[in-house]
Amino acid sequence: MQEAAGQEAIDTFIAAFNASHDGYVPALLSRALTPDVVFWGPLGRSEGVAAVERFIIEMRGHPAGPGAMARSSAVDMPGEWARYQWAFRTAEGERELTGTDVVHLRNGRIDQMIVFAGELPPTGSSAPAAPRGGEE
């Protein structure tokens, strides 16, 4: 039961990206998110449905032009936490951006969300290594 409610909240959140008009975004978000949602996005931490709405409206104006957001994986939900992958495709169907979101659910709605945009580099790549404890 909890998994179905979690997937519905996630899919409703994604539907806000694909709404036919910006005016439909708030209603979809209010069904998917708690009023006190904490959102960690590419620009940092924000709180509340209005902050998430601003993020979505900005994303809907993506420089590549209009497109669609879609969940590109199953929802993996051990308990109240869930993760899923997503992809943003342009109107021509080209994949423009991908990522993974991690969400916490409370009473069937998302109350915490962390957005990881882009692919992780493979092990051994030239990406900078994170510092290890006690080393400088």
Protein backbone atom coordinates (compact mmCIF):
# COMPACT_ATOMS: atom_id res chain seq x y z
CA MET A 1 0.00 0.00 0.00
CA GLN A 2 2.75 2.47 0.98
CA GLU A 3 4.67 1.67 -2.22
CA ALA A 4 1.65 2.41 -4.42
CA ALA A 5 1.06 5.75 -2.65
CA GLY A 6 4.75 6.60 -3.00
CA GLN A 7 4.78 5.84 -6.71
CA GLU A 8 1.61 7.89 -7.19
CA ALA A 9 3.19 10.89 -5.42
CA ILE A 10 6.32 10.58 -7.57
CA ASP A 11 4.35 10.27 -10.80
CA THR A 12 2.17 13.24 -9.83
CA PHE A 13 5.31 15.29 -9.16
CA ILE A 14 6.63 14.38 -12.62
CA ALA A 15 3.22 15.22 -14.13
CA ALA A 16 3.69 18.79 -12.85
CA PHE A 17 6.65 19.13 -15.25
CA ASN A 18 4.46 18.01 -18.12
CA ALA A 19 1.33 20.04 -17.33
CA SER A 20 -0.18 21.69 -20.38
CA HIS A 21 -0.09 25.10 -18.64
CA ASP A 22 1.93 26.60 -15.77
CA GLY A 23 -1.36 27.23 -13.95
CA TYR A 24 -1.86 23.48 -13.43
CA VAL A 25 1.49 23.01 -11.66
CA PRO A 26 0.42 24.14 -8.14
CA ALA A 27 -2.55 21.74 -7.95
CA LEU A 28 -0.42 18.78 -9.03
CA LEU A 29 2.31 19.67 -6.56
CA SER A 30 -0.15 20.03 -3.69
CA ARG A 31 -1.26 16.43 -4.34
CA ALA A 32 2.34 15.14 -4.47
CA LEU A 33 4.13 17.17 -1.79
CA THR A 34 3.61 18.06 1.85
CA PRO A 35 3.28 21.82 2.50
CA ASP A 36 6.60 21.80 4.39
CA VAL A 37 8.55 19.85 1.75
CA VAL A 38 12.34 20.25 1.86
CA PHE A 39 13.80 20.32 -1.64
CA TRP A 40 17.49 19.89 -2.42
CA GLY A 41 17.96 20.83 -6.06
CA PRO A 42 20.81 21.91 -8.31
CA LEU A 43 20.71 25.41 -6.79
CA GLY A 44 20.68 24.32 -3.15
CA ARG A 45 18.09 23.85 -0.43
CA SER A 46 14.61 25.34 -0.44
CA GLU A 47 11.42 24.73 1.49
CA GLY A 48 7.74 24.68 0.65
CA VAL A 49 5.58 23.88 -2.34
CA ALA A 50 6.00 27.39 -3.80
CA ALA A 51 9.79 26.94 -3.98
CA VAL A 52 9.39 23.63 -5.83
CA GLU A 53 6.86 25.28 -8.14
CA ARG A 54 9.39 28.03 -9.03
CA PHE A 55 11.99 25.34 -9.81
CA ILE A 56 9.59 23.47 -12.08
CA ILE A 57 8.47 26.63 -13.91
CA GLU A 58 12.14 27.47 -14.55
CA MET A 59 12.83 23.92 -15.79
CA ARG A 60 9.81 24.08 -18.10
CA GLY A 61 11.61 26.96 -19.80
CA HIS A 62 14.66 24.75 -20.50
CA PRO A 63 17.13 26.28 -23.00
CA ALA A 64 16.70 23.27 -25.28
CA GLY A 65 13.06 24.22 -25.69
CA PRO A 66 9.87 22.47 -24.64
CA GLY A 67 10.17 18.88 -23.62
CA ALA A 68 8.86 16.24 -21.29
CA MET A 69 10.04 14.72 -18.04
CA ALA A 70 9.52 10.97 -17.56
CA ARG A 71 10.36 8.42 -14.93
CA SER A 72 12.87 6.08 -16.61
CA SER A 73 13.11 3.39 -13.93
CA ALA A 74 10.96 1.56 -11.47
CA VAL A 75 10.46 3.14 -8.05
CA ASP A 76 12.73 1.46 -5.49
CA MET A 77 11.08 2.03 -2.11
CA PRO A 78 12.51 0.39 1.01
CA GLY A 79 10.20 1.75 3.71
CA GLU A 80 9.51 5.47 3.64
CA TRP A 81 12.44 6.31 1.31
CA ALA A 82 12.31 5.92 -2.47
CA ARG A 83 14.56 6.50 -5.43
CA TYR A 84 13.92 6.57 -9.15
CA GLN A 85 15.62 7.73 -12.31
CA TRP A 86 14.22 10.29 -14.72
CA ALA A 87 14.96 11.73 -18.14
CA PHE A 88 14.08 15.04 -19.75
CA ARG A 89 13.60 14.76 -23.51
CA THR A 90 13.16 17.57 -26.00
CA ALA A 91 10.08 17.75 -28.21
CA GLU A 92 12.16 15.98 -30.89
CA GLY A 93 12.70 13.06 -28.48
CA GLU A 94 16.37 13.72 -27.78
CA ARG A 95 17.48 12.98 -24.23
CA GLU A 96 18.72 16.27 -22.84
CA LEU A 97 19.16 15.57 -19.13
CA THR A 98 18.94 12.57 -16.82
CA GLY A 99 19.20 12.03 -13.11
CA THR A 100 18.13 10.25 -9.98
CA ASP A 101 15.83 11.58 -7.27
CA VAL A 102 15.70 10.35 -3.69
CA VAL A 103 12.53 11.15 -1.79
CA HIS A 104 11.14 10.62 1.70
CA LEU A 105 7.40 10.06 2.00
CA ARG A 106 5.06 10.96 4.84
CA ASN A 107 1.40 9.99 4.66
CA GLY A 108 1.67 9.21 0.94
CA ARG A 109 3.24 12.54 -0.02
CA ILE A 110 6.83 13.66 -0.55
CA ASP A 111 8.20 15.65 2.39
CA GLN A 112 11.89 15.57 1.39
CA MET A 113 13.43 15.43 -2.06
CA ILE A 114 17.01 15.34 -3.28
CA VAL A 115 17.59 15.82 -7.02
CA PHE A 116 20.77 14.41 -8.54
CA ALA A 117 21.05 15.64 -12.13
CA GLY A 118 23.38 13.97 -14.60
CA GLU A 119 25.19 10.67 -14.70
CA LEU A 120 27.83 9.70 -12.18
CA PRO A 121 31.31 9.29 -13.67
CA PRO A 122 32.59 5.70 -13.71
CA THR A 123 35.02 4.54 -11.03
CA GLY A 124 38.58 5.51 -11.92
CA SER A 125 37.55 8.48 -14.04
CA SER A 126 39.29 11.83 -13.89
CA ALA A 127 36.55 13.31 -11.68
CA PRO A 128 37.96 14.88 -8.52
CA ALA A 129 38.04 12.52 -5.57
CA ALA A 130 36.24 13.43 -2.37
CA PRO A 131 38.58 14.07 0.56
CA ARG A 132 38.92 11.22 3.01
CA GLY A 133 38.48 11.71 6.74
CA GLY A 134 41.56 13.12 8.52
CA GLU A 135 43.49 13.82 5.31
CA GLU A 136 44.23 17.20 3.84
